[in-house]
């Protein structure tokens, strides 16, 4: 049915993975980031699920690559909760080595010495990017800090850029992680917040054939409504697609405000999905609060006694966990 929907609305491509929508806030973010990266820093960039972290990362890497004064390395391991400093050092070895099938030494002391020698040969600052870093263990974060310091002591420059959910920012600001958090430059990625209408119109203009206009597909009132209710590219792409599918089945064009309203899920901004967008599922919350997952679920669904509910709420707020819609998506 997808191809039929696309033909009906004059779409030449799907709405996802369209490209980079640049805002002034993101331009300013890059201006702040680039000097920090060249100085050898631990940097964290955080944002809610679907706000465009990976797209922003790709754009940043592209710009740094074109400037040709810094070497880019990436950790590609998928299971970030199993990533340790050895995995990160392996990523550096594989990206920096000029030898075919280069294998990092397994002995820790030899591994560190070989890596320092390899970095010294590069004669340029190096940046290691780690996406989905909110799952990395705290002990690994400490070792990343030590690795950066070791490279600096050897007269070279290594920066590590971590991307993750807002949970990563809150973790780094906890008193127990002061050793790392106080040495980390933390940036928040707002994505398209405040630019939703512009984003929707840009997205449609990128996806429709030249003889179509965005208003042929969806009314301005429907765009305004979606822009008020949705805050991330992921949400907008998903619900626009659903609206187009429903409109196609009803043989109606353009999509109206009523049709847009009908596709939005009840509970879109309820507590549970809001927490998950920030990186806090029931298991993570249970570990942070030292309680059972079942009690977390009872809290989320307002099934605990008022006193216990208030106690858990107070603990979460102290940790920076967003419990109210006004605190973000």
C-alpha atoms as a PDB file:
ATOM      1  CA  UNK A   1       0.000   0.000   0.000  1.00  0.00           C
ATOM      2  CA  UNK A   2       2.930   2.348   0.600  1.00  0.00           C
ATOM      3  CA  UNK A   3       3.615   2.782  -3.117  1.00  0.00           C
ATOM      4  CA  UNK A   4      -0.074   3.557  -3.725  1.00  0.00           C
ATOM      5  CA  UNK A   5      -0.029   6.207  -0.989  1.00  0.00           C
ATOM      6  CA  UNK A   6       3.104   7.763  -2.450  1.00  0.00           C
ATOM      7  CA  UNK A   7       1.597   7.891  -5.933  1.00  0.00           C
ATOM      8  CA  UNK A   8      -1.671   9.358  -4.626  1.00  0.00           C
ATOM      9  CA  UNK A   9       0.142  12.201  -2.834  1.00  0.00           C
ATOM     10  CA  UNK A  10       2.873  12.742  -5.432  1.00  0.00           C
ATOM     11  CA  UNK A  11       5.693  11.586  -3.171  1.00  0.00           C
ATOM     12  CA  UNK A  12       8.908  10.619  -4.937  1.00  0.00           C
ATOM     13  CA  UNK A  13      10.446   9.112  -1.798  1.00  0.00           C
ATOM     14  CA  UNK A  14       9.531   8.069   1.740  1.00  0.00           C
ATOM     15  CA  UNK A  15       9.591  10.616   4.549  1.00  0.00           C
ATOM     16  CA  UNK A  16      12.437   9.075   6.547  1.00  0.00           C
ATOM     17  CA  UNK A  17      16.206   9.620   6.103  1.00  0.00           C
ATOM     18  CA  UNK A  18      15.617  12.648   3.897  1.00  0.00           C
ATOM     19  CA  UNK A  19      18.629  14.743   4.852  1.00  0.00           C
ATOM     20  CA  UNK A  20      19.850  17.404   7.218  1.00  0.00           C
ATOM     21  CA  UNK A  21      17.487  20.188   8.291  1.00  0.00           C
ATOM     22  CA  UNK A  22      19.719  22.941   9.614  1.00  0.00           C
ATOM     23  CA  UNK A  23      18.638  25.363  12.322  1.00  0.00           C
ATOM     24  CA  UNK A  24      20.547  28.299  13.778  1.00  0.00           C
ATOM     25  CA  UNK A  25      20.773  26.426  17.079  1.00  0.00           C
ATOM     26  CA  UNK A  26      22.516  23.505  15.383  1.00  0.00           C
ATOM     27  CA  UNK A  27      24.888  25.846  13.543  1.00  0.00           C
ATOM     28  CA  UNK A  28      25.796  27.451  16.868  1.00  0.00           C
ATOM     29  CA  UNK A  29      26.254  24.006  18.417  1.00  0.00           C
ATOM     30  CA  UNK A  30      28.818  23.069  15.766  1.00  0.00           C
ATOM     31  CA  UNK A  31      30.686  26.339  16.355  1.00  0.00           C
ATOM     32  CA  UNK A  32      30.940  25.412  20.035  1.00  0.00           C
ATOM     33  CA  UNK A  33      31.834  21.774  19.417  1.00  0.00           C
ATOM     34  CA  UNK A  34      34.634  22.059  16.881  1.00  0.00           C
ATOM     35  CA  UNK A  35      37.114  24.021  19.056  1.00  0.00           C
ATOM     36  CA  UNK A  36      36.414  21.666  21.981  1.00  0.00           C
ATOM     37  CA  UNK A  37      37.088  18.622  19.804  1.00  0.00           C
ATOM     38  CA  UNK A  38      40.426  20.054  18.692  1.00  0.00           C
ATOM     39  CA  UNK A  39      41.517  20.584  22.316  1.00  0.00           C
ATOM     40  CA  UNK A  40      41.251  16.986  23.506  1.00  0.00           C
ATOM     41  CA  UNK A  41      38.076  16.823  25.558  1.00  0.00           C
ATOM     42  CA  UNK A  42      35.424  14.405  26.753  1.00  0.00           C
ATOM     43  CA  UNK A  43      32.193  15.689  25.217  1.00  0.00           C
ATOM     44  CA  UNK A  44      28.602  14.517  25.665  1.00  0.00           C
ATOM     45  CA  UNK A  45      25.769  15.460  23.290  1.00  0.00           C
ATOM     46  CA  UNK A  46      22.343  14.452  24.552  1.00  0.00           C
ATOM     47  CA  UNK A  47      18.825  14.594  23.166  1.00  0.00           C
ATOM     48  CA  UNK A  48      15.527  12.738  23.345  1.00  0.00           C
ATOM     49  CA  UNK A  49      14.716   9.747  21.144  1.00  0.00           C
ATOM     50  CA  UNK A  50      14.114  10.836  17.558  1.00  0.00           C
ATOM     51  CA  UNK A  51      15.454  14.390  17.874  1.00  0.00           C
ATOM     52  CA  UNK A  52      18.093  13.829  15.178  1.00  0.00           C
ATOM     53  CA  UNK A  53      21.232  12.863  17.120  1.00  0.00           C
ATOM     54  CA  UNK A  54      22.503  10.389  14.538  1.00  0.00           C
ATOM     55  CA  UNK A  55      21.775  12.738  11.614  1.00  0.00           C
ATOM     56  CA  UNK A  56      23.555  15.561  13.448  1.00  0.00           C
ATOM     57  CA  UNK A  57      26.492  13.251  14.171  1.00  0.00           C
ATOM     58  CA  UNK A  58      26.793  12.335  10.499  1.00  0.00           C
ATOM     59  CA  UNK A  59      26.738  16.008   9.508  1.00  0.00           C
ATOM     60  CA  UNK A  60      29.377  16.904  12.108  1.00  0.00           C
ATOM     61  CA  UNK A  61      31.635  14.080  10.924  1.00  0.00           C
ATOM     62  CA  UNK A  62      31.192  15.229   7.319  1.00  0.00           C
ATOM     63  CA  UNK A  63      32.178  18.808   8.168  1.00  0.00           C
ATOM     64  CA  UNK A  64      35.188  17.724  10.226  1.00  0.00           C
ATOM     65  CA  UNK A  65      36.295  15.394   7.447  1.00  0.00           C
ATOM     66  CA  UNK A  66      36.098  18.185   4.860  1.00  0.00           C
ATOM     67  CA  UNK A  67      38.251  20.445   7.050  1.00  0.00           C
ATOM     68  CA  UNK A  68      41.016  17.789   6.940  1.00  0.00           C
ATOM     69  CA  UNK A  69      42.811  18.818  10.122  1.00  0.00           C
ATOM     70  CA  UNK A  70      41.414  16.113  12.392  1.00  0.00           C
ATOM     71  CA  UNK A  71      41.237  12.314  12.184  1.00  0.00           C
ATOM     72  CA  UNK A  72      37.857  10.694  12.796  1.00  0.00           C
ATOM     73  CA  UNK A  73      37.355   7.340  14.490  1.00  0.00           C
ATOM     74  CA  UNK A  74      34.047   5.637  15.305  1.00  0.00           C
ATOM     75  CA  UNK A  75      32.975   2.908  17.685  1.00  0.00           C
ATOM     76  CA  UNK A  76      30.614   0.704  15.669  1.00  0.00           C
ATOM     77  CA  UNK A  77      29.848  -1.895  18.359  1.00  0.00           C
ATOM     78  CA  UNK A  78      26.079  -2.273  18.697  1.00  0.00           C
ATOM     79  CA  UNK A  79      25.799  -3.646  22.256  1.00  0.00           C
ATOM     80  CA  UNK A  80      26.856  -0.459  24.032  1.00  0.00           C
ATOM     81  CA  UNK A  81      26.111  -1.927  27.465  1.00  0.00           C
ATOM     82  CA  UNK A  82      28.936  -4.396  26.742  1.00  0.00           C
ATOM     83  CA  UNK A  83      31.364  -1.784  25.414  1.00  0.00           C
ATOM     84  CA  UNK A  84      34.448  -1.309  27.585  1.00  0.00           C
ATOM     85  CA  UNK A  85      37.600   0.732  27.108  1.00  0.00           C
ATOM     86  CA  UNK A  86      39.207  -2.216  25.316  1.00  0.00           C
ATOM     87  CA  UNK A  87      36.506  -2.087  22.631  1.00  0.00           C
ATOM     88  CA  UNK A  88      37.004   1.669  22.229  1.00  0.00           C
ATOM     89  CA  UNK A  89      40.767   1.240  21.933  1.00  0.00           C
ATOM     90  CA  UNK A  90      40.208  -1.460  19.314  1.00  0.00           C
ATOM     91  CA  UNK A  91      38.116   1.026  17.317  1.00  0.00           C
ATOM     92  CA  UNK A  92      40.999   3.504  17.466  1.00  0.00           C
ATOM     93  CA  UNK A  93      43.514   0.854  16.400  1.00  0.00           C
ATOM     94  CA  UNK A  94      41.392  -0.237  13.431  1.00  0.00           C
ATOM     95  CA  UNK A  95      40.711   3.314  12.220  1.00  0.00           C
ATOM     96  CA  UNK A  96      44.223   4.707  12.724  1.00  0.00           C
ATOM     97  CA  UNK A  97      46.374   1.798  11.621  1.00  0.00           C
ATOM     98  CA  UNK A  98      47.669   1.810   8.050  1.00  0.00           C
ATOM     99  CA  UNK A  99      48.431  -1.914   8.141  1.00  0.00           C
ATOM    100  CA  UNK A 100      46.015  -4.421   6.660  1.00  0.00           C
ATOM    101  CA  UNK A 101      44.265  -6.658   9.194  1.00  0.00           C
ATOM    102  CA  UNK A 102      45.928  -4.802  12.065  1.00  0.00           C
ATOM    103  CA  UNK A 103      45.109  -6.394  15.411  1.00  0.00           C
ATOM    104  CA  UNK A 104      45.457  -4.515  18.697  1.00  0.00           C
ATOM    105  CA  UNK A 105      47.584  -6.274  21.336  1.00  0.00           C
ATOM    106  CA  UNK A 106      45.626  -8.123  24.005  1.00  0.00           C
ATOM    107  CA  UNK A 107      48.067  -7.364  26.833  1.00  0.00           C
ATOM    108  CA  UNK A 108      46.906  -4.096  28.510  1.00  0.00           C
ATOM    109  CA  UNK A 109      50.319  -2.415  28.951  1.00  0.00           C
ATOM    110  CA  UNK A 110      51.461  -3.293  25.437  1.00  0.00           C
ATOM    111  CA  UNK A 111      48.091  -2.217  24.020  1.00  0.00           C
ATOM    112  CA  UNK A 112      48.330   1.248  25.566  1.00  0.00           C
ATOM    113  CA  UNK A 113      51.926   1.753  24.433  1.00  0.00           C
ATOM    114  CA  UNK A 114      51.145   0.645  20.872  1.00  0.00           C
ATOM    115  CA  UNK A 115      48.113   2.946  20.731  1.00  0.00           C
ATOM    116  CA  UNK A 116      50.115   5.950  21.949  1.00  0.00           C
ATOM    117  CA  UNK A 117      52.753   5.274  19.294  1.00  0.00           C
ATOM    118  CA  UNK A 118      50.045   4.990  16.637  1.00  0.00           C
ATOM    119  CA  UNK A 119      48.418   8.263  17.703  1.00  0.00           C
ATOM    120  CA  UNK A 120      51.810   9.991  17.680  1.00  0.00           C
ATOM    121  CA  UNK A 121      52.375   8.912  14.074  1.00  0.00           C
ATOM    122  CA  UNK A 122      49.121  10.571  13.001  1.00  0.00           C
ATOM    123  CA  UNK A 123      50.370  14.065  13.934  1.00  0.00           C
ATOM    124  CA  UNK A 124      46.809  15.382  14.007  1.00  0.00           C
ATOM    125  CA  UNK A 125      44.105  15.645  16.675  1.00  0.00           C
ATOM    126  CA  UNK A 126      41.893  12.562  16.829  1.00  0.00           C
ATOM    127  CA  UNK A 127      38.225  12.325  17.743  1.00  0.00           C
ATOM    128  CA  UNK A 128      36.415   9.114  18.643  1.00  0.00           C
ATOM    129  CA  UNK A 129      32.624   9.184  18.241  1.00  0.00           C
ATOM    130  CA  UNK A 130      30.462   6.847  20.326  1.00  0.00           C
ATOM    131  CA  UNK A 131      26.727   6.802  19.543  1.00  0.00           C
ATOM    132  CA  UNK A 132      24.092   5.385  21.936  1.00  0.00           C
ATOM    133  CA  UNK A 133      26.520   6.065  24.787  1.00  0.00           C
ATOM    134  CA  UNK A 134      23.824   6.228  27.483  1.00  0.00           C
ATOM    135  CA  UNK A 135      24.228   2.452  27.895  1.00  0.00           C
ATOM    136  CA  UNK A 136      27.977   2.584  28.591  1.00  0.00           C
ATOM    137  CA  UNK A 137      28.942   1.527  32.109  1.00  0.00           C
ATOM    138  CA  UNK A 138      30.149   4.237  34.493  1.00  0.00           C
ATOM    139  CA  UNK A 139      33.494   2.499  35.044  1.00  0.00           C
ATOM    140  CA  UNK A 140      34.114   2.697  31.288  1.00  0.00           C
ATOM    141  CA  UNK A 141      33.462   6.453  31.364  1.00  0.00           C
ATOM    142  CA  UNK A 142      36.168   6.806  34.015  1.00  0.00           C
ATOM    143  CA  UNK A 143      38.622   4.869  31.846  1.00  0.00           C
ATOM    144  CA  UNK A 144      37.780   7.031  28.811  1.00  0.00           C
ATOM    145  CA  UNK A 145      38.763  10.077  30.847  1.00  0.00           C
ATOM    146  CA  UNK A 146      42.052   8.395  31.780  1.00  0.00           C
ATOM    147  CA  UNK A 147      42.740   7.475  28.158  1.00  0.00           C
ATOM    148  CA  UNK A 148      42.292  11.107  27.059  1.00  0.00           C
ATOM    149  CA  UNK A 149      44.697  12.204  29.812  1.00  0.00           C
ATOM    150  CA  UNK A 150      47.236   9.538  28.842  1.00  0.00           C
ATOM    151  CA  UNK A 151      47.238  10.736  25.229  1.00  0.00           C
ATOM    152  CA  UNK A 152      47.599  14.360  26.376  1.00  0.00           C
ATOM    153  CA  UNK A 153      50.572  13.450  28.600  1.00  0.00           C
ATOM    154  CA  UNK A 154      52.191  11.938  25.525  1.00  0.00           C
ATOM    155  CA  UNK A 155      51.949  15.276  23.701  1.00  0.00           C
ATOM    156  CA  UNK A 156      48.987  14.354  21.481  1.00  0.00           C
ATOM    157  CA  UNK A 157      45.278  15.168  21.326  1.00  0.00           C
ATOM    158  CA  UNK A 158      42.341  12.773  21.648  1.00  0.00           C
ATOM    159  CA  UNK A 159      38.723  13.801  22.104  1.00  0.00           C
ATOM    160  CA  UNK A 160      35.858  11.402  22.746  1.00  0.00           C
ATOM    161  CA  UNK A 161      32.346  12.490  21.774  1.00  0.00           C
ATOM    162  CA  UNK A 162      29.499  10.567  23.412  1.00  0.00           C
ATOM    163  CA  UNK A 163      25.963  10.780  22.020  1.00  0.00           C
ATOM    164  CA  UNK A 164      22.989   9.561  23.998  1.00  0.00           C
ATOM    165  CA  UNK A 165      19.663  10.180  25.668  1.00  0.00           C
ATOM    166  CA  UNK A 166      19.264  12.884  28.357  1.00  0.00           C
ATOM    167  CA  UNK A 167      19.889  10.087  30.872  1.00  0.00           C
ATOM    168  CA  UNK A 168      23.582  10.366  29.937  1.00  0.00           C
ATOM    169  CA  UNK A 169      23.628  14.047  30.920  1.00  0.00           C
ATOM    170  CA  UNK A 170      21.920  13.306  34.232  1.00  0.00           C
ATOM    171  CA  UNK A 171      24.309  10.429  34.955  1.00  0.00           C
ATOM    172  CA  UNK A 172      27.342  12.646  34.349  1.00  0.00           C
ATOM    173  CA  UNK A 173      25.980  15.249  36.758  1.00  0.00           C
ATOM    174  CA  UNK A 174      25.492  12.809  39.625  1.00  0.00           C
ATOM    175  CA  UNK A 175      27.823  13.447  42.596  1.00  0.00           C
ATOM    176  CA  UNK A 176      29.151   9.891  42.357  1.00  0.00           C
ATOM    177  CA  UNK A 177      30.420  10.637  38.830  1.00  0.00           C
ATOM    178  CA  UNK A 178      31.991  13.998  39.635  1.00  0.00           C
ATOM    179  CA  UNK A 179      35.412  12.704  38.542  1.00  0.00           C
ATOM    180  CA  UNK A 180      34.094  12.442  34.974  1.00  0.00           C
ATOM    181  CA  UNK A 181      31.186  14.866  34.892  1.00  0.00           C
ATOM    182  CA  UNK A 182      33.259  17.835  36.053  1.00  0.00           C
ATOM    183  CA  UNK A 183      35.652  17.198  33.151  1.00  0.00           C
ATOM    184  CA  UNK A 184      32.968  16.703  30.505  1.00  0.00           C
ATOM    185  CA  UNK A 185      31.564  19.354  28.191  1.00  0.00           C
ATOM    186  CA  UNK A 186      27.845  18.585  27.985  1.00  0.00           C
ATOM    187  CA  UNK A 187      25.669  19.870  25.140  1.00  0.00           C
ATOM    188  CA  UNK A 188      21.912  19.426  24.713  1.00  0.00           C
ATOM    189  CA  UNK A 189      20.550  18.859  21.211  1.00  0.00           C
ATOM    190  CA  UNK A 190      17.135  20.490  20.824  1.00  0.00           C
ATOM    191  CA  UNK A 191      16.684  19.295  17.244  1.00  0.00           C
ATOM    192  CA  UNK A 192      13.794  21.034  15.490  1.00  0.00           C
ATOM    193  CA  UNK A 193      12.103  22.322  18.648  1.00  0.00           C
ATOM    194  CA  UNK A 194      10.645  25.733  17.787  1.00  0.00           C
ATOM    195  CA  UNK A 195      10.967  25.019  14.059  1.00  0.00           C
ATOM    196  CA  UNK A 196       8.357  22.275  13.612  1.00  0.00           C
ATOM    197  CA  UNK A 197       6.266  24.113  10.987  1.00  0.00           C
ATOM    198  CA  UNK A 198       9.374  24.927   8.952  1.00  0.00           C
ATOM    199  CA  UNK A 199      10.539  21.324   9.260  1.00  0.00           C
ATOM    200  CA  UNK A 200       7.238  19.846   8.045  1.00  0.00           C
ATOM    201  CA  UNK A 201       7.174  22.124   4.990  1.00  0.00           C
ATOM    202  CA  UNK A 202      10.848  21.428   4.263  1.00  0.00           C
ATOM    203  CA  UNK A 203      10.305  17.678   4.627  1.00  0.00           C
ATOM    204  CA  UNK A 204       7.384  17.680   2.206  1.00  0.00           C
ATOM    205  CA  UNK A 205       9.201  19.870  -0.314  1.00  0.00           C
ATOM    206  CA  UNK A 206      12.096  17.384  -0.289  1.00  0.00           C
ATOM    207  CA  UNK A 207       9.790  14.414  -0.873  1.00  0.00           C
ATOM    208  CA  UNK A 208       7.253  15.616  -3.461  1.00  0.00           C
ATOM    209  CA  UNK A 209       7.591  15.877  -7.222  1.00  0.00           C
ATOM    210  CA  UNK A 210       8.277  19.309  -8.686  1.00  0.00           C
ATOM    211  CA  UNK A 211       4.716  19.805  -9.949  1.00  0.00           C
ATOM    212  CA  UNK A 212       3.288  19.400  -6.405  1.00  0.00           C
ATOM    213  CA  UNK A 213       3.156  21.845  -3.498  1.00  0.00           C
ATOM    214  CA  UNK A 214       3.054  20.954   0.240  1.00  0.00           C
ATOM    215  CA  UNK A 215      -0.459  22.464   0.517  1.00  0.00           C
ATOM    216  CA  UNK A 216      -1.641  19.932  -2.084  1.00  0.00           C
ATOM    217  CA  UNK A 217      -0.926  17.215   0.489  1.00  0.00           C
ATOM    218  CA  UNK A 218      -1.907  18.764   3.825  1.00  0.00           C
ATOM    219  CA  UNK A 219      -3.609  21.971   4.950  1.00  0.00           C
ATOM    220  CA  UNK A 220      -1.810  24.708   6.859  1.00  0.00           C
ATOM    221  CA  UNK A 221      -4.175  24.107   9.791  1.00  0.00           C
ATOM    222  CA  UNK A 222      -3.165  20.439   9.922  1.00  0.00           C
ATOM    223  CA  UNK A 223       0.516  21.389   9.775  1.00  0.00           C
ATOM    224  CA  UNK A 224       0.056  23.873  12.629  1.00  0.00           C
ATOM    225  CA  UNK A 225      -1.720  21.225  14.709  1.00  0.00           C
ATOM    226  CA  UNK A 226       1.001  18.609  14.193  1.00  0.00           C
ATOM    227  CA  UNK A 227       3.684  21.212  14.922  1.00  0.00           C
ATOM    228  CA  UNK A 228       2.032  22.001  18.256  1.00  0.00           C
ATOM    229  CA  UNK A 229       1.741  18.361  19.325  1.00  0.00           C
ATOM    230  CA  UNK A 230       4.946  16.829  17.932  1.00  0.00           C
ATOM    231  CA  UNK A 231       8.494  17.894  18.713  1.00  0.00           C
ATOM    232  CA  UNK A 232      10.911  15.523  16.962  1.00  0.00           C
ATOM    233  CA  UNK A 233      11.582  14.577  13.324  1.00  0.00           C
ATOM    234  CA  UNK A 234      10.826  10.945  14.177  1.00  0.00           C
ATOM    235  CA  UNK A 235       7.356  11.801  15.498  1.00  0.00           C
ATOM    236  CA  UNK A 236       6.552  14.093  12.585  1.00  0.00           C
ATOM    237  CA  UNK A 237       7.647  11.580   9.946  1.00  0.00           C
ATOM    238  CA  UNK A 238       5.694   8.778  11.632  1.00  0.00           C
ATOM    239  CA  UNK A 239       2.408  10.627  12.096  1.00  0.00           C
ATOM    240  CA  UNK A 240       2.540  12.343   8.706  1.00  0.00           C
ATOM    241  CA  UNK A 241       2.889   8.928   7.097  1.00  0.00           C
ATOM    242  CA  UNK A 242      -0.071   7.615   9.098  1.00  0.00           C
ATOM    243  CA  UNK A 243      -2.162  10.641   8.137  1.00  0.00           C
ATOM    244  CA  UNK A 244      -1.371  10.097   4.454  1.00  0.00           C
ATOM    245  CA  UNK A 245      -2.305   6.412   4.718  1.00  0.00           C
ATOM    246  CA  UNK A 246      -5.664   7.215   6.343  1.00  0.00           C
ATOM    247  CA  UNK A 247      -6.370   9.958   3.801  1.00  0.00           C
ATOM    248  CA  UNK A 248      -5.567   7.583   0.948  1.00  0.00           C
ATOM    249  CA  UNK A 249      -7.959   4.957   2.297  1.00  0.00           C
ATOM    250  CA  UNK A 250     -10.650   7.637   2.592  1.00  0.00           C
ATOM    251  CA  UNK A 251      -9.813   8.950  -0.910  1.00  0.00           C
ATOM    252  CA  UNK A 252      -9.342  12.426   0.560  1.00  0.00           C
ATOM    253  CA  UNK A 253      -6.742  15.050  -0.259  1.00  0.00           C
ATOM    254  CA  UNK A 254      -5.334  17.238   1.284  1.00  0.00           C
ATOM    255  CA  UNK A 255      -5.058  15.970   4.875  1.00  0.00           C
ATOM    256  CA  UNK A 256      -7.163  18.154   7.184  1.00  0.00           C
ATOM    257  CA  UNK A 257      -6.670  19.088  10.824  1.00  0.00           C
ATOM    258  CA  UNK A 258      -9.372  16.601  11.889  1.00  0.00           C
ATOM    259  CA  UNK A 259      -7.597  13.795  10.051  1.00  0.00           C
ATOM    260  CA  UNK A 260      -4.264  14.766  11.583  1.00  0.00           C
ATOM    261  CA  UNK A 261      -5.833  14.829  15.033  1.00  0.00           C
ATOM    262  CA  UNK A 262      -7.344  11.379  14.500  1.00  0.00           C
ATOM    263  CA  UNK A 263      -3.982   9.684  13.909  1.00  0.00           C
ATOM    264  CA  UNK A 264      -2.272  10.948  17.062  1.00  0.00           C
ATOM    265  CA  UNK A 265      -2.115   8.222  19.674  1.00  0.00           C
ATOM    266  CA  UNK A 266      -3.946   8.708  22.941  1.00  0.00           C
ATOM    267  CA  UNK A 267      -1.269   8.947  25.609  1.00  0.00           C
ATOM    268  CA  UNK A 268       1.408  10.204  23.209  1.00  0.00           C
ATOM    269  CA  UNK A 269       2.886  12.402  25.944  1.00  0.00           C
ATOM    270  CA  UNK A 270       1.976  10.292  28.965  1.00  0.00           C
ATOM    271  CA  UNK A 271       4.613   9.639  31.615  1.00  0.00           C
ATOM    272  CA  UNK A 272       5.843   6.250  30.354  1.00  0.00           C
ATOM    273  CA  UNK A 273       6.613   7.231  26.723  1.00  0.00           C
ATOM    274  CA  UNK A 274       8.075  10.516  27.929  1.00  0.00           C
ATOM    275  CA  UNK A 275      10.458   8.705  30.292  1.00  0.00           C
ATOM    276  CA  UNK A 276      11.498   6.263  27.576  1.00  0.00           C
ATOM    277  CA  UNK A 277      12.330   9.126  25.198  1.00  0.00           C
ATOM    278  CA  UNK A 278      14.773  10.378  27.818  1.00  0.00           C
ATOM    279  CA  UNK A 279      16.374   6.939  28.242  1.00  0.00           C
ATOM    280  CA  UNK A 280      14.495   5.732  31.327  1.00  0.00           C
ATOM    281  CA  UNK A 281      12.653   2.446  30.865  1.00  0.00           C
ATOM    282  CA  UNK A 282      11.290   0.489  33.828  1.00  0.00           C
ATOM    283  CA  UNK A 283      14.464  -1.596  34.226  1.00  0.00           C
ATOM    284  CA  UNK A 284      16.745   1.477  34.265  1.00  0.00           C
ATOM    285  CA  UNK A 285      14.521   3.232  36.800  1.00  0.00           C
ATOM    286  CA  UNK A 286      14.412   0.143  39.017  1.00  0.00           C
ATOM    287  CA  UNK A 287      18.225  -0.002  39.090  1.00  0.00           C
ATOM    288  CA  UNK A 288      18.556   3.720  39.832  1.00  0.00           C
ATOM    289  CA  UNK A 289      15.974   3.666  42.615  1.00  0.00           C
ATOM    290  CA  UNK A 290      16.978   0.226  43.930  1.00  0.00           C
ATOM    291  CA  UNK A 291      13.413  -1.076  43.710  1.00  0.00           C
ATOM    292  CA  UNK A 292      11.602  -3.811  41.790  1.00  0.00           C
ATOM    293  CA  UNK A 293      10.520  -3.305  38.173  1.00  0.00           C
ATOM    294  CA  UNK A 294       6.959  -4.118  39.241  1.00  0.00           C
ATOM    295  CA  UNK A 295       6.994  -1.173  41.643  1.00  0.00           C
ATOM    296  CA  UNK A 296       8.234   1.130  38.881  1.00  0.00           C
ATOM    297  CA  UNK A 297       5.355  -0.018  36.671  1.00  0.00           C
ATOM    298  CA  UNK A 298       2.916   0.593  39.510  1.00  0.00           C
ATOM    299  CA  UNK A 299       4.319   4.113  39.936  1.00  0.00           C
ATOM    300  CA  UNK A 300       4.016   4.867  36.220  1.00  0.00           C
ATOM    301  CA  UNK A 301       0.389   3.724  36.170  1.00  0.00           C
ATOM    302  CA  UNK A 302      -0.518   5.574  39.399  1.00  0.00           C
ATOM    303  CA  UNK A 303      -1.191   2.379  41.365  1.00  0.00           C
ATOM    304  CA  UNK A 304       0.947   3.102  44.457  1.00  0.00           C
ATOM    305  CA  UNK A 305      -0.201   4.669  47.740  1.00  0.00           C
ATOM    306  CA  UNK A 306       0.118   8.498  47.713  1.00  0.00           C
ATOM    307  CA  UNK A 307       2.972   8.523  50.238  1.00  0.00           C
ATOM    308  CA  UNK A 308       5.084   6.035  48.301  1.00  0.00           C
ATOM    309  CA  UNK A 309       4.304   7.820  45.035  1.00  0.00           C
ATOM    310  CA  UNK A 310       5.532  11.119  46.471  1.00  0.00           C
ATOM    311  CA  UNK A 311       8.681   9.475  47.841  1.00  0.00           C
ATOM    312  CA  UNK A 312       9.614   8.006  44.443  1.00  0.00           C
ATOM    313  CA  UNK A 313       8.706  11.243  42.678  1.00  0.00           C
ATOM    314  CA  UNK A 314      11.019  13.217  44.959  1.00  0.00           C
ATOM    315  CA  UNK A 315      13.882  10.783  44.346  1.00  0.00           C
ATOM    316  CA  UNK A 316      13.431  10.976  40.567  1.00  0.00           C
ATOM    317  CA  UNK A 317      13.284  14.755  40.498  1.00  0.00           C
ATOM    318  CA  UNK A 318      16.550  14.921  42.463  1.00  0.00           C
ATOM    319  CA  UNK A 319      18.133  12.741  39.774  1.00  0.00           C
ATOM    320  CA  UNK A 320      16.920  15.091  37.028  1.00  0.00           C
ATOM    321  CA  UNK A 321      14.420  12.584  35.656  1.00  0.00           C
ATOM    322  CA  UNK A 322      11.621  14.427  33.763  1.00  0.00           C
ATOM    323  CA  UNK A 323       8.225  13.719  35.301  1.00  0.00           C
ATOM    324  CA  UNK A 324       6.271  16.590  33.789  1.00  0.00           C
ATOM    325  CA  UNK A 325       5.497  17.415  30.168  1.00  0.00           C
ATOM    326  CA  UNK A 326       6.904  20.928  30.557  1.00  0.00           C
ATOM    327  CA  UNK A 327      10.375  19.424  31.150  1.00  0.00           C
ATOM    328  CA  UNK A 328      10.748  18.240  27.581  1.00  0.00           C
ATOM    329  CA  UNK A 329       9.388  15.724  25.176  1.00  0.00           C
END
